[in-house]
Amino acid sequence: MGLKASLSDKSGIFQVWILLLIVLGGIIISSITTVILSLFIPGISMENPGYVRFIQTISVLFTFLIPTLVLAWLCSDSPSDYLSLRRRPSAKVFLLVLFGLLLLSPTINITSVLNKQLVLPPFLESLELWMQQKEKEMEDLVNLLINEAGIIALISNLFVIAFLAALTEEFFFRGAIQRIIEKWTNNHHVVIWSAAILFSAIHIQFYGFIPRMILGAYFGYLLYWSKSIWVPVFAHFLNNAVAVFASRSADLNEHEFISGDIKSEHLIGYSILAAVTLTLFYYLNKKLKAEARQVL
């Protein structure tokens, strides 16, 4: 008996352990690659944006994409169907996703403001300090990349931060994790929100946990409605690409709608805007669901 589809009838917990082992192997390979580069390329360091982008590329390929492809091959006779690669929704679906993200943005920003107010009880002070440290480390890493000037840096950031992150993370969380969670429950809401929680947690940016979880859930619903992984990949890419482009302009980067840093005097008005756009978002997605059923 061959290995292909050999895990198809295994339990969800068994598939999780196999996926974790593959991910661990990927982490080891990417770590070894990092060490080898640091030994043989003089002067290279994490202060070099190009090096950071390369390490990020190696990391997401071996941590997210390759484990997902291997799992799909082990769990199905048709890995393409397992990962929902074959279906091609119409251009109208992608256009509706674009408008959907715009309508969801005020809600994301409001939840971001609320999330940043998180204060843990005194006995968890050490955990809170650790969370703040990790948040600062991730912020410094992103700033190192996006603050590099030049068109080459912009294109490189779009590839690594927007496209590659969208592709690998959607394959892993929506393509693989949601499939595994489906082994435990037929409730698609539980499946989608469970994967969204894991998606947000893995970023280790706790003061953006709630808005990232909501985005992850939206990506999950996009896959559920369209049965095509390319729809959430597109949405994820758009979300990240906006952040990359906004970082190139001080005016855009400081704009409340883009940054999510809503001033206290604007909170009431912005909350009303979020309520209105969230209502429109709901009705737009009813149309999106209907359109997504028309598969090419």
C-alpha atoms as a PDB file:
ATOM      1  CA  MET A   1       0.000   0.000   0.000  1.00  0.00           C
ATOM      2  CA  GLY A   2       1.365   3.419  -0.970  1.00  0.00           C
ATOM      3  CA  LEU A   3       1.545   6.432   1.300  1.00  0.00           C
ATOM      4  CA  LYS A   4      -0.806   8.544  -0.813  1.00  0.00           C
ATOM      5  CA  ALA A   5      -4.193   8.891   0.929  1.00  0.00           C
ATOM      6  CA  SER A   6      -2.945   6.552   3.674  1.00  0.00           C
ATOM      7  CA  LEU A   7      -4.234   8.935   6.370  1.00  0.00           C
ATOM      8  CA  SER A   8      -7.647   9.540   4.822  1.00  0.00           C
ATOM      9  CA  ASP A   9      -9.464   7.293   7.296  1.00  0.00           C
ATOM     10  CA  LYS A  10      -7.393   8.298  10.333  1.00  0.00           C
ATOM     11  CA  SER A  11      -8.810  10.372  13.170  1.00  0.00           C
ATOM     12  CA  GLY A  12      -8.441  14.128  13.333  1.00  0.00           C
ATOM     13  CA  ILE A  13      -6.099  13.935  16.332  1.00  0.00           C
ATOM     14  CA  PHE A  14      -3.814  11.530  14.461  1.00  0.00           C
ATOM     15  CA  GLN A  15      -3.724  13.862  11.447  1.00  0.00           C
ATOM     16  CA  VAL A  16      -2.930  16.792  13.746  1.00  0.00           C
ATOM     17  CA  TRP A  17       0.065  14.947  15.182  1.00  0.00           C
ATOM     18  CA  ILE A  18       1.324  14.063  11.710  1.00  0.00           C
ATOM     19  CA  LEU A  19       0.942  17.691  10.594  1.00  0.00           C
ATOM     20  CA  LEU A  20       2.800  18.910  13.694  1.00  0.00           C
ATOM     21  CA  LEU A  21       5.651  16.472  13.007  1.00  0.00           C
ATOM     22  CA  ILE A  22       5.924  17.705   9.419  1.00  0.00           C
ATOM     23  CA  VAL A  23       5.847  21.318  10.616  1.00  0.00           C
ATOM     24  CA  LEU A  24       8.564  20.540  13.158  1.00  0.00           C
ATOM     25  CA  GLY A  25      10.686  19.076  10.378  1.00  0.00           C
ATOM     26  CA  GLY A  26      10.111  22.221   8.333  1.00  0.00           C
ATOM     27  CA  ILE A  27      11.146  24.447  11.243  1.00  0.00           C
ATOM     28  CA  ILE A  28      14.347  22.427  11.683  1.00  0.00           C
ATOM     29  CA  ILE A  29      15.204  22.695   7.977  1.00  0.00           C
ATOM     30  CA  SER A  30      14.552  26.453   7.872  1.00  0.00           C
ATOM     31  CA  SER A  31      16.611  26.933  11.074  1.00  0.00           C
ATOM     32  CA  ILE A  32      19.535  24.956   9.651  1.00  0.00           C
ATOM     33  CA  THR A  33      19.346  27.066   6.496  1.00  0.00           C
ATOM     34  CA  THR A  34      19.525  30.234   8.589  1.00  0.00           C
ATOM     35  CA  VAL A  35      22.580  28.968  10.493  1.00  0.00           C
ATOM     36  CA  ILE A  36      24.379  27.918   7.292  1.00  0.00           C
ATOM     37  CA  LEU A  37      23.791  31.314   5.706  1.00  0.00           C
ATOM     38  CA  SER A  38      25.060  33.149   8.766  1.00  0.00           C
ATOM     39  CA  LEU A  39      28.232  31.026   8.713  1.00  0.00           C
ATOM     40  CA  PHE A  40      29.062  31.351   5.032  1.00  0.00           C
ATOM     41  CA  ILE A  41      27.900  34.877   4.221  1.00  0.00           C
ATOM     42  CA  PRO A  42      30.010  37.397   6.162  1.00  0.00           C
ATOM     43  CA  GLY A  43      28.286  40.363   7.750  1.00  0.00           C
ATOM     44  CA  ILE A  44      24.780  39.036   7.247  1.00  0.00           C
ATOM     45  CA  SER A  45      22.349  39.758  10.103  1.00  0.00           C
ATOM     46  CA  MET A  46      18.728  40.302  11.034  1.00  0.00           C
ATOM     47  CA  GLU A  47      19.334  44.027  10.527  1.00  0.00           C
ATOM     48  CA  ASN A  48      19.486  43.386   6.775  1.00  0.00           C
ATOM     49  CA  PRO A  49      15.954  43.656   5.233  1.00  0.00           C
ATOM     50  CA  GLY A  50      16.868  41.450   2.267  1.00  0.00           C
ATOM     51  CA  TYR A  51      18.142  38.715   4.581  1.00  0.00           C
ATOM     52  CA  VAL A  52      15.019  38.979   6.757  1.00  0.00           C
ATOM     53  CA  ARG A  53      12.794  38.620   3.677  1.00  0.00           C
ATOM     54  CA  PHE A  54      14.768  35.569   2.555  1.00  0.00           C
ATOM     55  CA  ILE A  55      14.515  33.942   5.985  1.00  0.00           C
ATOM     56  CA  GLN A  56      10.797  34.756   6.082  1.00  0.00           C
ATOM     57  CA  THR A  57      10.356  33.125   2.676  1.00  0.00           C
ATOM     58  CA  ILE A  58      12.173  29.959   3.731  1.00  0.00           C
ATOM     59  CA  SER A  59      10.245  29.889   7.010  1.00  0.00           C
ATOM     60  CA  VAL A  60       6.723  30.125   5.575  1.00  0.00           C
ATOM     61  CA  LEU A  61       7.478  27.662   2.780  1.00  0.00           C
ATOM     62  CA  PHE A  62       8.762  24.976   5.144  1.00  0.00           C
ATOM     63  CA  THR A  63       6.437  25.768   8.055  1.00  0.00           C
ATOM     64  CA  PHE A  64       3.136  26.328   6.248  1.00  0.00           C
ATOM     65  CA  LEU A  65       3.112  25.477   2.543  1.00  0.00           C
ATOM     66  CA  ILE A  66       5.136  22.266   2.285  1.00  0.00           C
ATOM     67  CA  PRO A  67       3.517  20.627   5.364  1.00  0.00           C
ATOM     68  CA  THR A  68       0.097  21.468   3.923  1.00  0.00           C
ATOM     69  CA  LEU A  69       0.930  19.908   0.547  1.00  0.00           C
ATOM     70  CA  VAL A  70       2.351  16.797   2.208  1.00  0.00           C
ATOM     71  CA  LEU A  71      -0.712  16.432   4.453  1.00  0.00           C
ATOM     72  CA  ALA A  72      -3.074  16.832   1.480  1.00  0.00           C
ATOM     73  CA  TRP A  73      -1.169  14.096  -0.354  1.00  0.00           C
ATOM     74  CA  LEU A  74      -1.323  11.800   2.686  1.00  0.00           C
ATOM     75  CA  CYS A  75      -5.024  12.457   3.334  1.00  0.00           C
ATOM     76  CA  SER A  76      -6.556  12.333  -0.131  1.00  0.00           C
ATOM     77  CA  ASP A  77      -6.382  10.606  -3.490  1.00  0.00           C
ATOM     78  CA  SER A  78      -6.913  14.076  -4.944  1.00  0.00           C
ATOM     79  CA  PRO A  79      -4.813  16.666  -3.069  1.00  0.00           C
ATOM     80  CA  SER A  80      -6.141  19.399  -5.379  1.00  0.00           C
ATOM     81  CA  ASP A  81      -9.705  18.702  -4.291  1.00  0.00           C
ATOM     82  CA  TYR A  82      -8.627  18.353  -0.650  1.00  0.00           C
ATOM     83  CA  LEU A  83      -7.177  21.889  -0.781  1.00  0.00           C
ATOM     84  CA  SER A  84     -10.033  23.266  -2.945  1.00  0.00           C
ATOM     85  CA  LEU A  85      -7.654  24.258  -5.745  1.00  0.00           C
ATOM     86  CA  ARG A  86      -9.755  23.370  -8.777  1.00  0.00           C
ATOM     87  CA  ARG A  87     -12.744  25.695  -8.541  1.00  0.00           C
ATOM     88  CA  ARG A  88     -12.496  29.059 -10.287  1.00  0.00           C
ATOM     89  CA  PRO A  89     -15.108  31.594  -9.144  1.00  0.00           C
ATOM     90  CA  SER A  90     -16.088  34.431 -11.443  1.00  0.00           C
ATOM     91  CA  ALA A  91     -14.345  37.803 -11.498  1.00  0.00           C
ATOM     92  CA  LYS A  92     -17.464  39.227  -9.849  1.00  0.00           C
ATOM     93  CA  VAL A  93     -16.756  37.155  -6.714  1.00  0.00           C
ATOM     94  CA  PHE A  94     -13.303  38.702  -6.377  1.00  0.00           C
ATOM     95  CA  LEU A  95     -14.759  42.171  -6.913  1.00  0.00           C
ATOM     96  CA  LEU A  96     -17.335  41.562  -4.172  1.00  0.00           C
ATOM     97  CA  VAL A  97     -14.540  40.385  -1.873  1.00  0.00           C
ATOM     98  CA  LEU A  98     -12.730  43.677  -2.494  1.00  0.00           C
ATOM     99  CA  PHE A  99     -15.803  45.692  -1.492  1.00  0.00           C
ATOM    100  CA  GLY A 100     -16.404  43.315   1.418  1.00  0.00           C
ATOM    101  CA  LEU A 101     -12.986  44.061   2.871  1.00  0.00           C
ATOM    102  CA  LEU A 102     -13.600  47.795   2.546  1.00  0.00           C
ATOM    103  CA  LEU A 103     -16.922  47.488   4.380  1.00  0.00           C
ATOM    104  CA  LEU A 104     -15.399  45.307   7.094  1.00  0.00           C
ATOM    105  CA  SER A 105     -12.475  47.691   7.735  1.00  0.00           C
ATOM    106  CA  PRO A 106     -14.288  50.035  10.192  1.00  0.00           C
ATOM    107  CA  THR A 107     -15.375  47.051  12.310  1.00  0.00           C
ATOM    108  CA  ILE A 108     -11.836  45.672  12.257  1.00  0.00           C
ATOM    109  CA  ASN A 109     -10.486  49.049  13.380  1.00  0.00           C
ATOM    110  CA  ILE A 110     -13.015  49.410  16.200  1.00  0.00           C
ATOM    111  CA  THR A 111     -12.221  45.922  17.522  1.00  0.00           C
ATOM    112  CA  SER A 112      -8.527  46.807  17.255  1.00  0.00           C
ATOM    113  CA  VAL A 113      -9.075  49.816  19.517  1.00  0.00           C
ATOM    114  CA  LEU A 114     -10.926  47.623  22.035  1.00  0.00           C
ATOM    115  CA  ASN A 115      -8.264  44.910  21.842  1.00  0.00           C
ATOM    116  CA  LYS A 116      -5.516  47.407  22.653  1.00  0.00           C
ATOM    117  CA  GLN A 117      -7.303  48.260  25.905  1.00  0.00           C
ATOM    118  CA  LEU A 118      -6.580  44.750  27.169  1.00  0.00           C
ATOM    119  CA  VAL A 119      -5.200  44.822  30.698  1.00  0.00           C
ATOM    120  CA  LEU A 120      -4.515  41.556  32.492  1.00  0.00           C
ATOM    121  CA  PRO A 121      -4.955  41.156  36.273  1.00  0.00           C
ATOM    122  CA  PRO A 122      -1.876  41.820  38.448  1.00  0.00           C
ATOM    123  CA  PHE A 123      -1.049  38.127  38.948  1.00  0.00           C
ATOM    124  CA  LEU A 124      -0.562  37.832  35.141  1.00  0.00           C
ATOM    125  CA  GLU A 125       1.773  40.824  34.938  1.00  0.00           C
ATOM    126  CA  SER A 126       4.700  38.699  33.717  1.00  0.00           C
ATOM    127  CA  LEU A 127       2.516  37.296  30.908  1.00  0.00           C
ATOM    128  CA  GLU A 128       1.426  40.792  29.921  1.00  0.00           C
ATOM    129  CA  LEU A 129       5.042  41.993  29.811  1.00  0.00           C
ATOM    130  CA  TRP A 130       5.923  39.004  27.611  1.00  0.00           C
ATOM    131  CA  MET A 131       3.014  39.820  25.305  1.00  0.00           C
ATOM    132  CA  GLN A 132       4.163  43.429  25.029  1.00  0.00           C
ATOM    133  CA  GLN A 133       7.712  42.323  24.292  1.00  0.00           C
ATOM    134  CA  LYS A 134       6.590  39.967  21.511  1.00  0.00           C
ATOM    135  CA  GLU A 135       4.355  42.679  20.087  1.00  0.00           C
ATOM    136  CA  LYS A 136       7.315  45.077  20.003  1.00  0.00           C
ATOM    137  CA  GLU A 137       9.593  42.491  18.371  1.00  0.00           C
ATOM    138  CA  MET A 138       7.071  41.805  15.600  1.00  0.00           C
ATOM    139  CA  GLU A 139       6.478  45.524  15.082  1.00  0.00           C
ATOM    140  CA  ASP A 140      10.232  46.189  14.809  1.00  0.00           C
ATOM    141  CA  LEU A 141      10.632  43.346  12.305  1.00  0.00           C
ATOM    142  CA  VAL A 142       7.795  44.614  10.098  1.00  0.00           C
ATOM    143  CA  ASN A 143       9.081  48.198  10.299  1.00  0.00           C
ATOM    144  CA  LEU A 144      12.538  47.031   9.207  1.00  0.00           C
ATOM    145  CA  LEU A 145      11.018  45.670   6.011  1.00  0.00           C
ATOM    146  CA  ILE A 146       8.467  48.331   5.142  1.00  0.00           C
ATOM    147  CA  ASN A 147      10.732  51.288   5.909  1.00  0.00           C
ATOM    148  CA  GLU A 148      13.285  50.271   3.286  1.00  0.00           C
ATOM    149  CA  ALA A 149      13.107  52.738   0.399  1.00  0.00           C
ATOM    150  CA  GLY A 150      13.035  51.930  -3.316  1.00  0.00           C
ATOM    151  CA  ILE A 151      10.804  50.184  -5.827  1.00  0.00           C
ATOM    152  CA  ILE A 152      12.692  46.882  -5.456  1.00  0.00           C
ATOM    153  CA  ALA A 153      11.977  46.897  -1.712  1.00  0.00           C
ATOM    154  CA  LEU A 154       8.296  47.633  -2.398  1.00  0.00           C
ATOM    155  CA  ILE A 155       7.988  44.767  -4.888  1.00  0.00           C
ATOM    156  CA  SER A 156       9.875  42.440  -2.531  1.00  0.00           C
ATOM    157  CA  ASN A 157       7.561  43.366   0.353  1.00  0.00           C
ATOM    158  CA  LEU A 158       4.488  42.809  -1.792  1.00  0.00           C
ATOM    159  CA  PHE A 159       5.807  39.371  -2.673  1.00  0.00           C
ATOM    160  CA  VAL A 160       6.845  38.298   0.846  1.00  0.00           C
ATOM    161  CA  ILE A 161       4.441  40.182   3.145  1.00  0.00           C
ATOM    162  CA  ALA A 162       1.378  40.214   0.877  1.00  0.00           C
ATOM    163  CA  PHE A 163       1.448  37.367  -1.658  1.00  0.00           C
ATOM    164  CA  LEU A 164       3.581  34.689   0.007  1.00  0.00           C
ATOM    165  CA  ALA A 165       2.044  35.190   3.447  1.00  0.00           C
ATOM    166  CA  ALA A 166      -1.464  35.035   1.965  1.00  0.00           C
ATOM    167  CA  LEU A 167      -0.742  31.912  -0.075  1.00  0.00           C
ATOM    168  CA  THR A 168       1.035  29.891   2.599  1.00  0.00           C
ATOM    169  CA  GLU A 169      -1.154  30.874   5.552  1.00  0.00           C
ATOM    170  CA  GLU A 170      -4.415  30.270   3.684  1.00  0.00           C
ATOM    171  CA  PHE A 171      -3.237  26.881   2.459  1.00  0.00           C
ATOM    172  CA  PHE A 172      -2.254  25.948   6.029  1.00  0.00           C
ATOM    173  CA  PHE A 173      -5.155  27.362   8.066  1.00  0.00           C
ATOM    174  CA  ARG A 174      -8.054  27.216   5.623  1.00  0.00           C
ATOM    175  CA  GLY A 175      -6.747  24.361   3.443  1.00  0.00           C
ATOM    176  CA  ALA A 176      -5.367  22.009   6.105  1.00  0.00           C
ATOM    177  CA  ILE A 177      -6.479  23.068   9.604  1.00  0.00           C
ATOM    178  CA  GLN A 178     -10.147  23.533   8.662  1.00  0.00           C
ATOM    179  CA  ARG A 179     -10.113  20.134   6.954  1.00  0.00           C
ATOM    180  CA  ILE A 180      -8.789  18.483  10.099  1.00  0.00           C
ATOM    181  CA  ILE A 181     -11.261  20.258  12.395  1.00  0.00           C
ATOM    182  CA  GLU A 182     -14.057  18.997  10.131  1.00  0.00           C
ATOM    183  CA  LYS A 183     -13.140  15.525  11.406  1.00  0.00           C
ATOM    184  CA  TRP A 184     -14.546  16.535  14.812  1.00  0.00           C
ATOM    185  CA  THR A 185     -17.656  18.491  13.852  1.00  0.00           C
ATOM    186  CA  ASN A 186     -19.996  19.145  10.954  1.00  0.00           C
ATOM    187  CA  ASN A 187     -20.791  22.638  12.251  1.00  0.00           C
ATOM    188  CA  HIS A 188     -19.013  24.895   9.766  1.00  0.00           C
ATOM    189  CA  HIS A 189     -19.177  27.862  12.140  1.00  0.00           C
ATOM    190  CA  VAL A 190     -17.208  25.941  14.777  1.00  0.00           C
ATOM    191  CA  VAL A 191     -14.726  24.823  12.123  1.00  0.00           C
ATOM    192  CA  ILE A 192     -14.197  28.324  10.753  1.00  0.00           C
ATOM    193  CA  TRP A 193     -13.910  30.146  14.080  1.00  0.00           C
ATOM    194  CA  SER A 194     -11.629  27.482  15.582  1.00  0.00           C
ATOM    195  CA  ALA A 195      -9.239  27.845  12.653  1.00  0.00           C
ATOM    196  CA  ALA A 196      -9.505  31.640  12.933  1.00  0.00           C
ATOM    197  CA  ILE A 197      -8.491  31.541  16.608  1.00  0.00           C
ATOM    198  CA  LEU A 198      -5.442  29.421  15.768  1.00  0.00           C
ATOM    199  CA  PHE A 199      -4.631  31.698  12.833  1.00  0.00           C
ATOM    200  CA  SER A 200      -4.630  34.764  15.067  1.00  0.00           C
ATOM    201  CA  ALA A 201      -2.741  33.100  17.916  1.00  0.00           C
ATOM    202  CA  ILE A 202       0.111  31.899  15.699  1.00  0.00           C
ATOM    203  CA  HIS A 203       1.045  35.509  14.854  1.00  0.00           C
ATOM    204  CA  ILE A 204       1.982  36.186  18.515  1.00  0.00           C
ATOM    205  CA  GLN A 205       0.567  39.720  18.283  1.00  0.00           C
ATOM    206  CA  PHE A 206      -1.869  39.682  21.166  1.00  0.00           C
ATOM    207  CA  TYR A 207      -2.967  43.303  20.961  1.00  0.00           C
ATOM    208  CA  GLY A 208      -4.281  42.606  17.479  1.00  0.00           C
ATOM    209  CA  PHE A 209      -5.738  39.194  18.323  1.00  0.00           C
ATOM    210  CA  ILE A 210      -9.440  40.017  17.958  1.00  0.00           C
ATOM    211  CA  PRO A 211      -9.340  41.891  14.612  1.00  0.00           C
ATOM    212  CA  ARG A 212      -7.019  39.251  13.134  1.00  0.00           C
ATOM    213  CA  MET A 213      -9.364  36.510  14.360  1.00  0.00           C
ATOM    214  CA  ILE A 214     -12.307  38.248  12.677  1.00  0.00           C
ATOM    215  CA  LEU A 215     -10.350  38.519   9.428  1.00  0.00           C
ATOM    216  CA  GLY A 216      -9.402  34.849   9.694  1.00  0.00           C
ATOM    217  CA  ALA A 217     -13.058  33.912  10.171  1.00  0.00           C
ATOM    218  CA  TYR A 218     -14.005  35.963   7.098  1.00  0.00           C
ATOM    219  CA  PHE A 219     -11.366  34.130   5.069  1.00  0.00           C
ATOM    220  CA  GLY A 220     -12.804  30.861   6.360  1.00  0.00           C
ATOM    221  CA  TYR A 221     -16.330  31.776   5.310  1.00  0.00           C
ATOM    222  CA  LEU A 222     -15.042  32.793   1.884  1.00  0.00           C
ATOM    223  CA  LEU A 223     -13.669  29.277   1.436  1.00  0.00           C
ATOM    224  CA  TYR A 224     -16.889  27.721   2.738  1.00  0.00           C
ATOM    225  CA  TRP A 225     -19.049  29.784   0.369  1.00  0.00           C
ATOM    226  CA  SER A 226     -16.882  29.519  -2.736  1.00  0.00           C
ATOM    227  CA  LYS A 227     -15.258  26.088  -2.230  1.00  0.00           C
ATOM    228  CA  SER A 228     -12.146  27.698  -3.732  1.00  0.00           C
ATOM    229  CA  ILE A 229      -8.985  28.398  -1.728  1.00  0.00           C
ATOM    230  CA  TRP A 230      -8.106  31.169  -4.190  1.00  0.00           C
ATOM    231  CA  VAL A 231     -10.858  33.429  -2.851  1.00  0.00           C
ATOM    232  CA  PRO A 232      -9.472  33.675   0.717  1.00  0.00           C
ATOM    233  CA  VAL A 233      -5.935  33.862  -0.714  1.00  0.00           C
ATOM    234  CA  PHE A 234      -7.048  36.878  -2.755  1.00  0.00           C
ATOM    235  CA  ALA A 235      -8.720  38.519   0.257  1.00  0.00           C
ATOM    236  CA  HIS A 236      -5.683  37.896   2.454  1.00  0.00           C
ATOM    237  CA  PHE A 237      -3.373  39.311  -0.236  1.00  0.00           C
ATOM    238  CA  LEU A 238      -5.483  42.467  -0.577  1.00  0.00           C
ATOM    239  CA  ASN A 239      -5.492  43.025   3.175  1.00  0.00           C
ATOM    240  CA  ASN A 240      -1.701  42.703   3.413  1.00  0.00           C
ATOM    241  CA  ALA A 241      -1.023  44.660   0.220  1.00  0.00           C
ATOM    242  CA  VAL A 242      -2.978  47.663   1.528  1.00  0.00           C
ATOM    243  CA  ALA A 243      -0.739  47.675   4.613  1.00  0.00           C
ATOM    244  CA  VAL A 244       2.393  47.506   2.454  1.00  0.00           C
ATOM    245  CA  PHE A 245       1.285  50.376   0.194  1.00  0.00           C
ATOM    246  CA  ALA A 246       0.073  52.462   3.141  1.00  0.00           C
ATOM    247  CA  SER A 247       3.490  52.152   4.751  1.00  0.00           C
ATOM    248  CA  ARG A 248       5.004  53.991   1.785  1.00  0.00           C
ATOM    249  CA  SER A 249       3.009  57.136   2.504  1.00  0.00           C
ATOM    250  CA  ALA A 250       3.173  58.973   5.827  1.00  0.00           C
ATOM    251  CA  ASP A 251      -0.267  60.506   5.209  1.00  0.00           C
ATOM    252  CA  LEU A 252      -1.879  57.138   4.508  1.00  0.00           C
ATOM    253  CA  ASN A 253      -0.020  55.365   7.296  1.00  0.00           C
ATOM    254  CA  GLU A 254      -1.231  57.897   9.854  1.00  0.00           C
ATOM    255  CA  HIS A 255      -4.813  58.022   8.562  1.00  0.00           C
ATOM    256  CA  GLU A 256      -7.239  56.604  11.132  1.00  0.00           C
ATOM    257  CA  PHE A 257      -9.055  54.472   8.562  1.00  0.00           C
ATOM    258  CA  ILE A 258      -5.766  52.794   7.577  1.00  0.00           C
ATOM    259  CA  SER A 259      -3.884  52.661  10.879  1.00  0.00           C
ATOM    260  CA  GLY A 260      -6.883  51.807  13.073  1.00  0.00           C
ATOM    261  CA  ASP A 261      -5.679  54.261  15.719  1.00  0.00           C
ATOM    262  CA  ILE A 262      -9.008  56.013  16.226  1.00  0.00           C
ATOM    263  CA  LYS A 263      -8.869  59.194  18.291  1.00  0.00           C
ATOM    264  CA  SER A 264     -11.127  59.211  21.332  1.00  0.00           C
ATOM    265  CA  GLU A 265     -13.145  62.184  20.028  1.00  0.00           C
ATOM    266  CA  HIS A 266     -13.919  60.236  16.835  1.00  0.00           C
ATOM    267  CA  LEU A 267     -14.952  56.965  18.477  1.00  0.00           C
ATOM    268  CA  ILE A 268     -18.717  57.570  18.539  1.00  0.00           C
ATOM    269  CA  GLY A 269     -18.878  58.666  14.913  1.00  0.00           C
ATOM    270  CA  TYR A 270     -16.574  55.854  13.855  1.00  0.00           C
ATOM    271  CA  SER A 271     -18.662  53.308  15.768  1.00  0.00           C
ATOM    272  CA  ILE A 272     -21.773  54.466  13.901  1.00  0.00           C
ATOM    273  CA  LEU A 273     -19.859  54.142  10.629  1.00  0.00           C
ATOM    274  CA  ALA A 274     -18.793  50.619  11.625  1.00  0.00           C
ATOM    275  CA  ALA A 275     -22.396  49.645  12.396  1.00  0.00           C
ATOM    276  CA  VAL A 276     -23.600  50.940   9.019  1.00  0.00           C
ATOM    277  CA  THR A 277     -20.805  49.340   7.005  1.00  0.00           C
ATOM    278  CA  LEU A 278     -21.165  46.041   8.899  1.00  0.00           C
ATOM    279  CA  THR A 279     -24.845  45.962   7.905  1.00  0.00           C
ATOM    280  CA  LEU A 280     -23.898  46.604   4.283  1.00  0.00           C
ATOM    281  CA  PHE A 281     -21.200  43.935   4.632  1.00  0.00           C
ATOM    282  CA  TYR A 282     -23.864  41.420   5.673  1.00  0.00           C
ATOM    283  CA  TYR A 283     -26.043  42.095   2.635  1.00  0.00           C
ATOM    284  CA  LEU A 284     -23.072  42.174   0.270  1.00  0.00           C
ATOM    285  CA  ASN A 285     -22.040  38.710   1.444  1.00  0.00           C
ATOM    286  CA  LYS A 286     -25.508  37.336   0.745  1.00  0.00           C
ATOM    287  CA  LYS A 287     -24.911  38.367  -2.854  1.00  0.00           C
ATOM    288  CA  LEU A 288     -21.353  37.007  -2.726  1.00  0.00           C
ATOM    289  CA  LYS A 289     -22.598  33.592  -1.543  1.00  0.00           C
ATOM    290  CA  ALA A 290     -25.092  33.425  -4.406  1.00  0.00           C
ATOM    291  CA  GLU A 291     -22.465  34.452  -6.949  1.00  0.00           C
ATOM    292  CA  ALA A 292     -19.871  32.032  -5.553  1.00  0.00           C
ATOM    293  CA  ARG A 293     -22.127  29.079  -6.305  1.00  0.00           C
ATOM    294  CA  GLN A 294     -21.691  29.804 -10.005  1.00  0.00           C
ATOM    295  CA  VAL A 295     -18.385  27.967 -10.426  1.00  0.00           C
ATOM    296  CA  LEU A 296     -16.405  28.162 -13.644  1.00  0.00           C
END
